Every structure is written in structure tokens, then in C-alpha cells.
């Protein structure tokens, strides 16, 4: 494993420590500033407890060592504070990084003995190993997400090993404090393992967009399978109603037809009989009306008996009923009262505007009265039929808005649930639900498989990211956090998603920058280089 170190930040405690020293005595303060932060004993004395370390006791704070090098940065090569990490980065006997201040030194190694990464510490005085109880060691891991992890140590063979596992990603600062019998020492080890180095120019050229972690409303949705079907309320099977022989066919399969347009003509003996019956009834009615008017006049003139008048009136009423009956028969059969082409001609007409989707007759063919010779459907409005499992029925309600997406191509539309079946199929164990879908351009063709998204609830999530940002590395979801000079791989624990935003339960905090669109480019760069790291 490659260990990188970086400069530590001077904390408020550092400033307070120096102020206290200056307040206690100008001479002591001047000694510290002129000495470059290096205790005199560390440079001149042979052991602990003399001039230099006696002064360190007065600091009362191990963080003093991070401050002490501020004035002596140029000439103090042995100081172990954060400002000298890059200069003091040296490999120890165990392969770890060595931090040194005066005679005291410490070797730190993040090792994976047993498969679990833990921090190991070795203590030295004048480069000679110290007993493990010579100092009390604690450490604090501070990650990019500002999460902190306290490490405690136990003795194992010749080293101190952390009881806690230091989980990946190994991109953090570890503040190590070693409290000896005489004074504390503080060192900071920085690591940026797994960093993908990309300049701002490279990020822009690769079309990688950087967004910020933020709160958003997450819609919890059900995704149910469905199929586009004909709108049965706007689909008609045209039948002749009378048996006959096809004389002409004017409509073709797939043709758009208007309401009342002639589709075909059929010659039928029964049609001839029905029209003849009407004409006979009409002639009898005309005769009955003439007779009635004559008998009425004669009766009024006292020429004929009233009985003759009443009989004529009765005959007229019966003739009127016969005409009405003949008209009703023709109407029920869909026949006009007359036809210019002959009494036996039947004209099949479109019941409404639509498309001929089925045709089952040809010229000269004999057809029966109940044969469905044409099927006409209005495809400007179709049904999306959904199969709803029993457990999801509470979320699918009449009036609910849904989103329908085609599986064969990129297309989506919104609709409203118009019907939910009251029965569950014995074989499928699902109920049928129906969405009425407008189809003005004819893109939603019957038979097309679709996915229907039903929103069950919408809740606020405090930490969310773009769905494009999530990539899988080692079969685990990660997000690439933006840092100076590139990106760092950050494992995350994900929650709900609506396809656009994903809730992050663990691993990120609101306000953190990350790679969203184009994150796959960062992943490809990770595969080229940082996947080769070893511990």
C-alpha cells in the first residue's frame, strides 16, 4: 500500500498553546521560536526529561507539535508535525511510514493482516524499539465526509494494533497521539488511496458534470407489466344480419374509414322480402286511407251506415300498424327502406370513424347473417391493460395517475386508471386494471408490451444524488466525490429511487460535490490505474 502524507492544519489549540507559553515567559517563548520547534534536549541531550522535554511538558497538549514547526520549517528536518510529513516520509523496518520528533519516533502502517485493514504502530527512541507500554497511543480517523472514527489500540506481538477496522475507502487523515511519561506527541498521516487524478480541463473535455448532494422528494413507484389493447368501447364487428352473396367490396384492410361509409354490398333474398313487405303495407295503407275518407264523407252525409265508416277506420289503423312494423323490421336489420340497386341489396356501413383491422369477405362469397365480415376500431384511444399482483392492489386505484413506457422503443405517456378488476385470476393470481390512453398519432399499437409506473407515495429525502452518479465497483455501489485534482471513490448505502434521484442512507452528506453525468468515465479511469493498488 502506498502511504501519502500531507501537511496538517494549524488548529486553534496550537495558537492557544503558544499564547500560554509567551504569557508564562518571554524568554521561554523566544527560545521556542528561535529553536525552530525542536526541543533542545532532542538536539543536545542524551535522554528524556532534560531541557527540551521539560519545556514540552508545559505545553500540556500534544497538538503543540503540529504548531512548533511553524517557525522552524526551513531548518528542522526531524520534526514530525504535519508541516514536515512530505520531508519526513520514510519507510520503516516494517514497511510503514516513520514520523520522528527529536529522539522519539513512530512507525505507522495500515495493514490487512487477516483480511481486515487495521492501523499498526511501532514505537522507537533513538531508532531503538521501545516497549509497547512506553506510550499511550490513540488515533482519530477523519474522512472526506467529516465522519470521525476513534481508534484504540491493543498489544499484538511487537506492535500496537487498532481494535477497530479502518474501512475503505482509505482516503482520510489519521491524527495519531502518543502520550509518553513526559510529554505528548502528535502526528498526522494523510491518505488518498483510490484517487482518480483529473484536471478541470480533462473533466470538462470528458463532459463530466459535477453536482451537489441535496435534499429532494423521492417518488416510490410500482412497476407493473402491461399490454396495449384495443379500446373495446370503440371497436365494432360488422355483420350482415342477413345471409347473402357479396356483390362488391369497397374497403380494404388497414383503411381509414368515416362513419356511414359503405364497406361492402351484399345481395340477400331476405332483404328483398322485407322491402317487398314494406311496399305492400304502404299500398294497403294508401287504399285504407282512401276508403276511410270516402266512408267518413258518406256517413256525414247520412248516405251510408255508421258501421261502414267504423270498419273503414279500423282497416286504416291496421294498415298503419303494418307499415310501422315493416319499417321496424328493416331498421332492425340495418336496411334502408329502398335501394337504387334493387330490393335485395344490403349495404354494410362503418358505424364510426376508425380503421379496418380485420376483413373476412371477398367478392362473390356467400356469407351468413352472423359472420363478422369487418372489424372496425377507433385507435385514437386505446387501453393499457395491467396485471396487478394481489399485494399491490391497494396502490392501484381508480383515478390514479400512471406513466406508461414502451419496452420496444423510447416512448412514454401518462394516463389515468379507469378500471380495477374485482376478481383475481385463478392461474395468474393477478387482477386486471385498465388505463385509457390517448393515441392521436397511433404510436401505441395494440399488442405492444409496456411497463406501467404507478406512484404509491412521495416523501422527502434529506440526502439524494442523481441516478447517473451511481456506479458499481467490486459489486458495490459507489459515488465519485470531487476533490482537489480529481475524484475519490466513496462507497454508499442507497435507499429509495424514482429513476431520477436516489436516496443515500450512508456515505454522503448534503452539500458534497460529486460526478453525476459522465461518472462512467471516472470509473473507466479508476480501472486503468488505482485498481492496481496494494496494501
Protein backbone atom coordinates (compact mmCIF):
# COMPACT_ATOMS: atom_id res chain seq x y z
CA UNK A 1 0.00 0.00 0.00
CA UNK A 2 1.30 3.45 -0.89
CA UNK A 3 1.09 5.86 2.02
CA UNK A 4 0.77 9.53 1.19
CA UNK A 5 1.24 12.21 3.75
CA UNK A 6 0.21 15.83 3.71
CA UNK A 7 0.58 18.95 5.78
CA UNK A 8 -1.59 19.23 8.84
CA UNK A 9 -3.67 22.31 9.56
CA UNK A 10 -2.70 24.57 12.49
CA UNK A 11 -5.63 24.36 14.89
CA UNK A 12 -6.92 26.89 17.36
CA UNK A 13 -5.37 24.80 20.13
CA UNK A 14 -1.94 25.37 18.64
CA UNK A 15 -2.35 29.12 18.82
CA UNK A 16 -3.63 28.92 22.38
CA UNK A 17 -0.63 26.80 23.40
CA UNK A 18 1.86 29.32 22.00
CA UNK A 19 -0.03 32.20 23.64
CA UNK A 20 0.21 30.43 27.01
CA UNK A 21 3.93 29.87 26.59
CA UNK A 22 4.50 33.51 25.64
CA UNK A 23 2.46 34.65 28.63
CA UNK A 24 4.48 32.47 31.03
CA UNK A 25 7.78 33.97 29.99
CA UNK A 26 9.17 35.94 27.07
CA UNK A 27 12.42 34.09 27.31
CA UNK A 28 10.81 30.66 27.01
CA UNK A 29 8.68 31.83 24.08
CA UNK A 30 11.69 33.29 22.32
CA UNK A 31 13.54 30.05 22.90
CA UNK A 32 10.78 28.06 21.18
CA UNK A 33 10.53 30.39 18.19
CA UNK A 34 14.27 30.59 17.68
CA UNK A 35 14.73 26.88 18.15
CA UNK A 36 12.50 26.09 15.14
CA UNK A 37 10.13 23.97 17.24
CA UNK A 38 12.87 21.45 18.03
CA UNK A 39 13.30 20.79 21.75
CA UNK A 40 16.78 21.48 22.92
CA UNK A 41 17.01 18.12 24.59
CA UNK A 42 16.21 16.40 21.31
CA UNK A 43 19.18 18.13 19.69
CA UNK A 44 21.68 18.19 22.60
CA UNK A 45 20.64 15.92 25.45
CA UNK A 46 21.13 12.20 25.67
CA UNK A 47 17.76 11.24 27.19
CA UNK A 48 14.24 12.32 28.04
CA UNK A 49 13.40 14.59 30.89
CA UNK A 50 16.09 17.23 30.30
CA UNK A 51 15.84 20.77 28.99
CA UNK A 52 13.89 20.18 25.76
CA UNK A 53 11.29 17.75 27.07
CA UNK A 54 10.84 19.62 30.30
CA UNK A 55 9.69 22.51 28.15
CA UNK A 56 7.31 20.23 26.22
CA UNK A 57 5.55 19.28 29.43
CA UNK A 58 4.46 22.85 29.81
CA UNK A 59 2.55 22.68 26.56
CA UNK A 60 0.02 20.34 28.06
CA UNK A 61 -1.20 19.41 24.59
CA UNK A 62 0.17 17.00 22.05
CA UNK A 63 -1.09 19.25 19.27
CA UNK A 64 1.74 21.65 20.12
CA UNK A 65 3.92 19.57 17.85
CA UNK A 66 1.81 20.49 14.91
CA UNK A 67 2.46 24.15 15.72
CA UNK A 68 6.05 24.00 16.84
CA UNK A 69 7.40 23.60 13.32
CA UNK A 70 5.73 26.76 12.03
CA UNK A 71 8.79 28.98 12.54
CA UNK A 72 11.40 26.31 12.04
CA UNK A 73 10.09 24.79 8.89
CA UNK A 74 13.24 25.53 6.94
CA UNK A 75 15.80 24.09 9.29
CA UNK A 76 14.03 21.46 11.37
CA UNK A 77 14.23 18.24 9.39
CA UNK A 78 13.48 15.96 12.27
CA UNK A 79 10.18 17.47 13.39
CA UNK A 80 7.21 15.19 12.95
CA UNK A 81 4.34 17.69 12.70
CA UNK A 82 2.06 17.85 9.67
CA UNK A 83 4.18 20.51 8.00
CA UNK A 84 7.08 18.09 7.62
CA UNK A 85 5.24 14.97 6.57
CA UNK A 86 6.39 15.12 3.00
CA UNK A 87 10.01 15.62 4.05
CA UNK A 88 9.86 13.07 6.85
CA UNK A 89 8.04 10.40 4.86
CA UNK A 90 10.37 7.47 5.22
CA UNK A 91 9.81 3.76 5.21
CA UNK A 92 10.45 1.92 8.43
CA UNK A 93 11.60 -1.60 9.05
CA UNK A 94 8.03 -2.87 8.82
CA UNK A 95 7.19 -1.03 5.59
CA UNK A 96 5.26 1.73 7.32
CA UNK A 97 5.71 5.49 7.38
CA UNK A 98 8.11 6.85 10.03
CA UNK A 99 7.29 10.02 11.95
CA UNK A 100 10.04 11.48 14.12
CA UNK A 101 10.46 14.26 16.64
CA UNK A 102 13.73 14.51 18.45
CA UNK A 103 14.73 11.10 19.76
CA UNK A 104 11.15 9.83 19.67
CA UNK A 105 9.87 8.21 16.50
CA UNK A 106 6.81 6.25 15.49
CA UNK A 107 6.16 3.93 12.56
CA UNK A 108 2.55 3.68 11.30
CA UNK A 109 1.26 1.09 8.84
CA UNK A 110 -2.25 0.40 7.59
CA UNK A 111 -2.07 -3.35 7.09
CA UNK A 112 -4.54 -6.01 6.08
CA UNK A 113 -3.28 -8.97 8.07
CA UNK A 114 -6.20 -11.36 8.29
CA UNK A 115 -8.05 -9.54 5.52
CA UNK A 116 -9.24 -6.63 7.67
CA UNK A 117 -7.42 -3.27 7.43
CA UNK A 118 -6.16 -2.06 10.81
CA UNK A 119 -3.63 0.52 11.91
CA UNK A 120 -0.37 -0.82 13.39
CA UNK A 121 2.04 1.29 15.46
CA UNK A 122 5.70 0.70 16.49
CA UNK A 123 7.45 2.99 18.99
CA UNK A 124 11.16 3.94 18.96
CA UNK A 125 13.63 6.02 20.94
CA UNK A 126 16.87 6.89 19.14
CA UNK A 127 15.79 4.37 16.49
CA UNK A 128 15.66 1.61 19.08
CA UNK A 129 12.38 -0.17 19.73
CA UNK A 130 10.53 0.93 22.83
CA UNK A 131 8.33 -1.29 24.95
CA UNK A 132 4.73 -1.09 23.77
CA UNK A 133 3.69 0.35 27.14
CA UNK A 134 6.17 3.22 26.82
CA UNK A 135 3.37 5.44 25.46
CA UNK A 136 -0.41 5.51 25.39
CA UNK A 137 -1.46 5.74 21.76
CA UNK A 138 -4.83 6.92 20.40
CA UNK A 139 -5.85 7.92 16.88
CA UNK A 140 -8.71 9.69 15.14
CA UNK A 141 -9.66 8.99 11.52
CA UNK A 142 -11.32 11.95 9.73
CA UNK A 143 -12.85 11.09 6.37
CA UNK A 144 -13.82 13.31 3.45
CA UNK A 145 -17.41 13.17 4.66
CA UNK A 146 -16.27 14.69 8.01
CA UNK A 147 -17.11 11.41 9.70
CA UNK A 148 -14.75 10.63 12.54
CA UNK A 149 -13.66 7.27 13.89
CA UNK A 150 -11.78 6.88 17.15
CA UNK A 151 -9.15 4.15 17.24
CA UNK A 152 -7.95 2.39 20.37
CA UNK A 153 -5.02 0.01 20.46
CA UNK A 154 -4.06 -3.31 21.93
CA UNK A 155 -0.70 -5.05 22.03
CA UNK A 156 -0.08 -7.75 19.47
CA UNK A 157 3.40 -9.27 19.19
CA UNK A 158 5.82 -6.39 18.62
CA UNK A 159 3.25 -3.72 17.66
CA UNK A 160 0.16 -1.87 18.78
CA UNK A 161 -2.81 -2.73 16.56
CA UNK A 162 -6.15 -0.93 16.41
CA UNK A 163 -9.11 -2.79 17.77
CA UNK A 164 -11.30 -1.10 15.16
CA UNK A 165 -11.25 -1.89 11.46
CA UNK A 166 -10.33 1.06 9.23
CA UNK A 167 -12.81 0.53 6.41
CA UNK A 168 -12.25 1.54 2.80
CA UNK A 169 -12.04 3.89 1.04
CA UNK A 170 -8.68 4.76 2.50
CA UNK A 171 -8.94 8.47 1.81
CA UNK A 172 -8.65 10.32 5.11
CA UNK A 173 -6.42 11.97 7.70
CA UNK A 174 -5.35 9.96 10.74
CA UNK A 175 -4.29 12.03 13.75
CA UNK A 176 -2.05 9.88 15.96
CA UNK A 177 -1.33 10.97 19.55
CA UNK A 178 1.36 9.18 21.57
CA UNK A 179 1.45 10.17 25.25
CA UNK A 180 4.75 9.23 26.87
CA UNK A 181 5.55 9.55 30.55
CA UNK A 182 6.99 13.03 29.96
CA UNK A 183 5.11 14.60 27.05
CA UNK A 184 2.63 14.03 24.20
CA UNK A 185 3.46 13.74 20.51
CA UNK A 186 1.02 14.30 17.66
CA UNK A 187 1.45 13.19 14.05
CA UNK A 188 -0.94 13.34 11.07
CA UNK A 189 -0.92 10.70 8.36
CA UNK A 190 -2.89 11.57 5.21
CA UNK A 191 -4.00 9.06 2.62
CA UNK A 192 -5.65 9.46 -0.77
CA UNK A 193 -5.77 5.87 -1.89
CA UNK A 194 -8.02 5.30 -4.90
CA UNK A 195 -7.85 8.89 -6.10
CA UNK A 196 -8.57 9.37 -9.78
CA UNK A 197 -6.47 12.30 -10.89
CA UNK A 198 -8.22 14.51 -13.44
CA UNK A 199 -7.65 18.17 -14.10
CA UNK A 200 -10.53 20.59 -14.51
CA UNK A 201 -9.77 20.76 -18.23
CA UNK A 202 -9.94 16.97 -18.53
CA UNK A 203 -13.21 16.88 -16.59
CA UNK A 204 -14.73 19.45 -18.92
CA UNK A 205 -13.42 17.69 -22.04
CA UNK A 206 -14.92 14.38 -20.87
CA UNK A 207 -18.33 16.05 -20.31
CA UNK A 208 -18.33 15.05 -16.65
CA UNK A 209 -20.80 17.22 -14.75
CA UNK A 210 -20.30 17.88 -11.07
CA UNK A 211 -23.45 18.22 -8.95
CA UNK A 212 -24.04 18.72 -5.25
CA UNK A 213 -25.65 16.29 -2.83
CA UNK A 214 -29.04 17.76 -1.88
CA UNK A 215 -32.47 17.01 -0.49
CA UNK A 216 -35.30 16.02 -2.85
CA UNK A 217 -38.71 14.37 -2.96
CA UNK A 218 -38.49 10.69 -3.84
CA UNK A 219 -41.46 9.08 -5.51
CA UNK A 220 -41.91 5.45 -4.56
CA UNK A 221 -43.37 3.74 -7.60
CA UNK A 222 -44.59 0.30 -8.60
CA UNK A 223 -43.51 -1.00 -11.99
CA UNK A 224 -46.14 -3.35 -13.38
CA UNK A 225 -46.24 -5.23 -16.70
CA UNK A 226 -48.96 -4.42 -19.19
CA UNK A 227 -50.04 -4.62 -22.80
CA UNK A 228 -51.70 -2.21 -25.20
CA UNK A 229 -55.12 -3.45 -26.30
CA UNK A 230 -57.99 -2.25 -28.46
CA UNK A 231 -60.47 0.06 -26.83
CA UNK A 232 -63.38 -2.35 -26.78
CA UNK A 233 -65.80 0.54 -26.31
CA UNK A 234 -64.66 1.84 -29.71
CA UNK A 235 -64.30 -1.47 -31.55
CA UNK A 236 -67.11 -2.94 -33.68
CA UNK A 237 -67.58 -6.24 -35.52
CA UNK A 238 -69.65 -5.53 -38.65
CA UNK A 239 -72.08 -8.37 -39.55
CA UNK A 240 -74.56 -8.53 -42.49
CA UNK A 241 -77.53 -9.59 -40.26
CA UNK A 242 -78.92 -11.34 -43.35
CA UNK A 243 -77.39 -14.18 -45.34
CA UNK A 244 -76.40 -13.34 -48.90
CA UNK A 245 -73.75 -13.17 -51.58
CA UNK A 246 -71.07 -10.47 -51.75
CA UNK A 247 -71.61 -8.20 -54.75
CA UNK A 248 -68.89 -5.60 -54.08
CA UNK A 249 -66.19 -4.74 -51.55
CA UNK A 250 -65.00 -1.14 -51.28
CA UNK A 251 -62.99 -1.20 -48.00
CA UNK A 252 -59.55 -2.74 -47.63
CA UNK A 253 -57.63 -3.98 -44.61
CA UNK A 254 -55.96 -1.10 -42.77
CA UNK A 255 -58.06 1.55 -44.49
CA UNK A 256 -59.23 4.57 -42.52
CA UNK A 257 -63.00 4.91 -42.86
CA UNK A 258 -65.56 7.50 -41.82
CA UNK A 259 -68.86 6.96 -40.08
CA UNK A 260 -71.53 5.82 -42.61
CA UNK A 261 -69.02 4.95 -45.35
CA UNK A 262 -70.03 1.92 -47.44
CA UNK A 263 -67.73 -1.03 -46.79
CA UNK A 264 -69.38 -3.73 -48.98
CA UNK A 265 -72.65 -4.64 -50.70
CA UNK A 266 -74.46 -7.99 -50.39
CA UNK A 267 -77.40 -9.40 -52.34
CA UNK A 268 -79.90 -11.08 -50.00
CA UNK A 269 -83.33 -12.67 -50.81
CA UNK A 270 -84.47 -11.92 -47.28
CA UNK A 271 -83.76 -8.24 -47.78
CA UNK A 272 -85.93 -8.34 -50.88
CA UNK A 273 -88.76 -9.95 -48.94
CA UNK A 274 -88.57 -7.38 -46.16
CA UNK A 275 -88.64 -4.44 -48.53
CA UNK A 276 -91.49 -6.02 -50.51
CA UNK A 277 -93.46 -6.43 -47.29
CA UNK A 278 -93.00 -2.74 -46.55
CA UNK A 279 -94.11 -1.69 -50.02
CA UNK A 280 -97.20 -3.93 -49.78
CA UNK A 281 -98.09 -2.48 -46.40
CA UNK A 282 -97.67 1.03 -47.73
CA UNK A 283 -100.04 0.34 -50.67
CA UNK A 284 -102.64 -1.18 -48.34
CA UNK A 285 -102.32 1.86 -46.14
CA UNK A 286 -102.96 4.18 -49.08
CA UNK A 287 -106.08 2.18 -50.06
CA UNK A 288 -107.32 2.07 -46.46
CA UNK A 289 -106.89 5.84 -46.17
CA UNK A 290 -108.90 6.47 -49.37
CA UNK A 291 -111.67 4.13 -48.24
CA UNK A 292 -111.78 5.72 -44.81
CA UNK A 293 -112.11 9.23 -46.20
CA UNK A 294 -114.95 8.15 -48.56
CA UNK A 295 -116.86 6.29 -45.87
CA UNK A 296 -116.45 9.19 -43.49
CA UNK A 297 -117.93 11.62 -46.02
CA UNK A 298 -120.84 9.30 -46.83
CA UNK A 299 -121.55 8.78 -43.16
CA UNK A 300 -121.52 12.51 -42.50
CA UNK A 301 -123.98 12.95 -45.41
CA UNK A 302 -126.22 10.23 -43.91
CA UNK A 303 -125.80 8.20 -47.07
CA UNK A 304 -124.10 5.13 -45.57
CA UNK A 305 -124.36 3.44 -42.23
CA UNK A 306 -122.08 4.28 -39.36
CA UNK A 307 -120.91 0.67 -39.30
CA UNK A 308 -119.29 1.03 -42.74
CA UNK A 309 -117.48 4.15 -41.50
CA UNK A 310 -116.18 2.37 -38.40
CA UNK A 311 -114.97 -0.61 -40.43
CA UNK A 312 -113.04 1.70 -42.75
CA UNK A 313 -111.50 3.42 -39.74
CA UNK A 314 -110.42 0.08 -38.30
CA UNK A 315 -108.88 -1.02 -41.60
CA UNK A 316 -106.90 2.26 -41.74
CA UNK A 317 -105.48 1.74 -38.27
CA UNK A 318 -104.44 -1.85 -39.09
CA UNK A 319 -102.72 -0.65 -42.32
CA UNK A 320 -100.79 1.98 -40.37
CA UNK A 321 -99.60 -0.67 -37.89
CA UNK A 322 -98.48 -2.94 -40.75
CA UNK A 323 -96.39 -0.14 -42.30
CA UNK A 324 -94.80 0.71 -38.97
CA UNK A 325 -93.99 -2.98 -38.36
CA UNK A 326 -92.35 -3.36 -41.78
CA UNK A 327 -90.23 -0.23 -41.13
CA UNK A 328 -89.11 -1.55 -37.74
CA UNK A 329 -88.02 -4.87 -39.30
CA UNK A 330 -85.91 -3.09 -41.91
CA UNK A 331 -84.40 -0.82 -39.26
CA UNK A 332 -83.52 -3.79 -37.03
CA UNK A 333 -81.78 -5.44 -39.99
CA UNK A 334 -79.91 -2.26 -40.84
CA UNK A 335 -81.67 -1.96 -44.19
CA UNK A 336 -82.78 1.21 -45.84
CA UNK A 337 -86.42 1.37 -46.94
CA UNK A 338 -85.33 1.40 -50.56
CA UNK A 339 -82.23 0.79 -52.66
CA UNK A 340 -81.48 2.15 -56.11
CA UNK A 341 -79.62 -1.05 -56.89
CA UNK A 342 -82.53 -3.34 -56.07
CA UNK A 343 -84.71 -4.60 -53.27
CA UNK A 344 -82.25 -7.36 -52.37
CA UNK A 345 -79.18 -5.16 -51.88
CA UNK A 346 -77.61 -4.75 -48.41
CA UNK A 347 -75.01 -2.03 -47.86
CA UNK A 348 -72.59 -2.58 -44.92
CA UNK A 349 -71.53 0.80 -43.47
CA UNK A 350 -68.93 1.91 -40.92
CA UNK A 351 -70.56 2.53 -37.51
CA UNK A 352 -68.00 5.24 -36.58
CA UNK A 353 -64.67 6.72 -37.65
CA UNK A 354 -61.92 4.13 -37.41
CA UNK A 355 -59.57 1.72 -39.14
CA UNK A 356 -60.40 -1.61 -40.78
CA UNK A 357 -58.33 -4.01 -38.67
CA UNK A 358 -60.00 -7.24 -39.89
CA UNK A 359 -61.66 -8.23 -43.17
CA UNK A 360 -63.27 -11.63 -43.78
CA UNK A 361 -65.09 -11.49 -47.11
CA UNK A 362 -64.34 -11.34 -50.81
CA UNK A 363 -66.30 -10.74 -54.00
CA UNK A 364 -68.83 -13.49 -54.79
CA UNK A 365 -68.52 -15.13 -51.38
CA UNK A 366 -71.63 -16.36 -49.62
CA UNK A 367 -71.81 -15.05 -46.07
CA UNK A 368 -74.05 -15.91 -43.15
CA UNK A 369 -76.14 -13.42 -41.25
CA UNK A 370 -73.89 -13.58 -38.11
CA UNK A 371 -70.47 -13.61 -39.83
CA UNK A 372 -68.10 -10.84 -38.61
CA UNK A 373 -67.00 -9.70 -42.06
CA UNK A 374 -65.28 -6.50 -40.87
CA UNK A 375 -63.75 -5.30 -37.60
CA UNK A 376 -63.53 -1.53 -37.21
CA UNK A 377 -61.65 0.10 -34.33
CA UNK A 378 -61.04 3.71 -33.36
CA UNK A 379 -57.31 3.71 -32.47
CA UNK A 380 -57.20 7.35 -31.40
CA UNK A 381 -57.84 5.97 -27.93
CA UNK A 382 -56.54 2.60 -26.68
CA UNK A 383 -56.40 0.64 -23.44
CA UNK A 384 -53.29 -0.28 -21.46
CA UNK A 385 -54.21 -3.44 -19.61
CA UNK A 386 -52.18 -4.03 -16.43
CA UNK A 387 -51.61 -7.24 -14.49
CA UNK A 388 -51.71 -6.27 -10.81
CA UNK A 389 -50.48 -8.77 -8.16
CA UNK A 390 -52.76 -9.08 -5.14
CA UNK A 391 -50.20 -7.45 -2.81
CA UNK A 392 -50.07 -4.31 -4.98
CA UNK A 393 -53.83 -3.82 -5.37
CA UNK A 394 -54.03 -1.23 -2.52
CA UNK A 395 -51.70 1.05 -4.50
CA UNK A 396 -53.62 0.81 -7.79
CA UNK A 397 -56.82 2.82 -7.51
CA UNK A 398 -59.33 4.20 -10.00
CA UNK A 399 -58.37 7.77 -10.85
CA UNK A 400 -54.67 7.24 -10.08
CA UNK A 401 -52.21 8.90 -12.48
CA UNK A 402 -49.73 6.49 -14.07
CA UNK A 403 -46.81 6.64 -16.51
CA UNK A 404 -46.68 4.15 -19.35
CA UNK A 405 -43.38 3.28 -21.05
CA UNK A 406 -42.89 1.10 -24.12
CA UNK A 407 -40.46 -1.80 -23.79
CA UNK A 408 -39.58 -1.98 -27.50
CA UNK A 409 -38.65 1.68 -28.04
CA UNK A 410 -38.30 5.01 -26.26
CA UNK A 411 -41.82 6.29 -25.69
CA UNK A 412 -43.83 7.26 -22.64
CA UNK A 413 -47.24 8.72 -21.89
CA UNK A 414 -49.44 9.46 -18.91
CA UNK A 415 -52.92 8.17 -18.26
CA UNK A 416 -55.49 7.52 -15.58
CA UNK A 417 -56.59 4.20 -14.12
CA UNK A 418 -60.19 3.78 -15.32
CA UNK A 419 -60.94 0.28 -14.04
CA UNK A 420 -59.61 -2.20 -11.48
CA UNK A 421 -60.96 -5.73 -11.65
CA UNK A 422 -62.86 -7.15 -8.71
CA UNK A 423 -61.65 -10.70 -9.33
CA UNK A 424 -58.20 -12.31 -9.14
CA UNK A 425 -57.31 -14.86 -11.81
CA UNK A 426 -57.04 -18.44 -10.60
CA UNK A 427 -53.97 -19.15 -12.70
CA UNK A 428 -52.17 -15.79 -12.74
CA UNK A 429 -53.16 -14.67 -9.20
CA UNK A 430 -53.40 -11.14 -10.57
CA UNK A 431 -56.22 -8.69 -11.15
CA UNK A 432 -56.76 -6.72 -14.33
CA UNK A 433 -56.57 -2.95 -14.32
CA UNK A 434 -57.12 -0.66 -17.26
CA UNK A 435 -55.77 2.72 -18.29
CA UNK A 436 -57.44 4.74 -21.04
CA UNK A 437 -54.64 6.13 -23.18
CA UNK A 438 -54.92 8.84 -25.81
CA UNK A 439 -53.28 7.76 -29.07
CA UNK A 440 -53.62 10.59 -31.59
CA UNK A 441 -50.51 9.61 -33.61
CA UNK A 442 -51.11 5.87 -33.50
CA UNK A 443 -47.78 5.12 -31.77
CA UNK A 444 -49.39 2.87 -29.15
CA UNK A 445 -50.24 -0.17 -31.23
CA UNK A 446 -52.37 -2.98 -29.78
CA UNK A 447 -50.19 -5.91 -28.78
CA UNK A 448 -47.27 -3.72 -27.65
CA UNK A 449 -45.80 -4.68 -24.25
CA UNK A 450 -45.41 -1.81 -21.80
CA UNK A 451 -44.32 -1.08 -18.24
CA UNK A 452 -46.75 0.89 -16.14
CA UNK A 453 -45.33 3.01 -13.31
CA UNK A 454 -47.76 3.69 -10.50
CA UNK A 455 -46.67 6.23 -7.86
CA UNK A 456 -47.58 4.80 -4.46
CA UNK A 457 -46.17 7.63 -2.31
CA UNK A 458 -43.92 10.69 -2.40
CA UNK A 459 -41.68 11.51 0.55
CA UNK A 460 -38.84 13.93 1.25
CA UNK A 461 -35.30 12.55 1.45
CA UNK A 462 -32.59 14.72 3.08
CA UNK A 463 -29.66 13.28 1.09
CA UNK A 464 -30.12 12.42 -2.59
CA UNK A 465 -28.00 12.21 -5.73
CA UNK A 466 -28.61 11.88 -9.43
CA UNK A 467 -29.27 8.32 -10.59
CA UNK A 468 -26.49 8.76 -13.18
CA UNK A 469 -23.91 9.18 -10.42
CA UNK A 470 -24.08 5.61 -9.06
CA UNK A 471 -21.55 3.12 -10.40
CA UNK A 472 -20.69 -0.39 -9.22
CA UNK A 473 -17.11 -1.14 -8.22
CA UNK A 474 -16.45 -4.60 -6.85
CA UNK A 475 -20.22 -5.28 -6.96
CA UNK A 476 -20.83 -2.43 -4.53
CA UNK A 477 -22.44 0.94 -5.31
CA UNK A 478 -20.06 3.90 -5.22
CA UNK A 479 -20.14 7.62 -5.94
CA UNK A 480 -17.11 9.62 -7.13
CA UNK A 481 -16.57 12.58 -4.80
CA UNK A 482 -14.92 15.67 -6.25
CA UNK A 483 -11.67 16.64 -4.50
CA UNK A 484 -8.78 18.85 -5.47
CA UNK A 485 -7.17 17.37 -8.56
CA UNK A 486 -9.76 14.72 -9.31
CA UNK A 487 -12.19 12.32 -7.66
CA UNK A 488 -12.25 9.87 -4.75
CA UNK A 489 -14.27 6.64 -4.74
CA UNK A 490 -16.88 6.77 -1.96
CA UNK A 491 -18.97 3.64 -1.16
CA UNK A 492 -22.60 4.44 -0.39
CA UNK A 493 -25.66 2.73 1.01
CA UNK A 494 -28.68 3.50 -1.15
CA UNK A 495 -32.35 3.80 -0.31
CA UNK A 496 -35.40 4.65 -2.40
CA UNK A 497 -35.26 5.73 -6.02
CA UNK A 498 -37.67 7.15 -8.57
CA UNK A 499 -35.37 6.64 -11.54
CA UNK A 500 -34.07 10.22 -11.44
CA UNK A 501 -32.96 10.74 -7.84
CA UNK A 502 -31.64 8.14 -5.39
CA UNK A 503 -31.70 8.44 -1.63
CA UNK A 504 -28.34 7.93 0.11
CA UNK A 505 -28.65 6.39 3.56
CA UNK A 506 -24.95 6.28 4.37
CA UNK A 507 -21.70 7.56 2.88
CA UNK A 508 -22.55 11.12 1.81
CA UNK A 509 -23.64 14.40 3.34
CA UNK A 510 -25.66 17.25 1.88
CA UNK A 511 -23.55 19.81 0.02
CA UNK A 512 -20.77 17.44 -1.08
CA UNK A 513 -19.75 17.69 -4.80
CA UNK A 514 -19.85 14.52 -6.89
CA UNK A 515 -19.65 13.33 -10.50
CA UNK A 516 -23.14 12.85 -11.93
CA UNK A 517 -23.50 12.73 -15.71
CA UNK A 518 -20.40 11.06 -17.15
CA UNK A 519 -19.49 9.23 -13.94
CA UNK A 520 -18.79 6.13 -16.05
CA UNK A 521 -15.77 8.00 -17.49
CA UNK A 522 -14.37 8.37 -13.96
CA UNK A 523 -14.96 4.67 -13.38
CA UNK A 524 -13.01 3.81 -16.52
CA UNK A 525 -10.10 5.93 -15.29
CA UNK A 526 -10.27 4.12 -11.95
CA UNK A 527 -9.94 0.80 -13.75
CA UNK A 528 -6.83 1.98 -15.55
CA UNK A 529 -4.82 2.99 -12.54
CA UNK A 530 -5.98 2.93 -8.95
CA UNK A 531 -7.40 -0.61 -9.11
CA UNK A 532 -3.79 -1.79 -9.07
CA UNK A 533 -3.06 -0.56 -5.53
CA UNK A 534 -1.86 -2.96 -2.89
CA UNK A 535 -1.60 -2.66 0.88
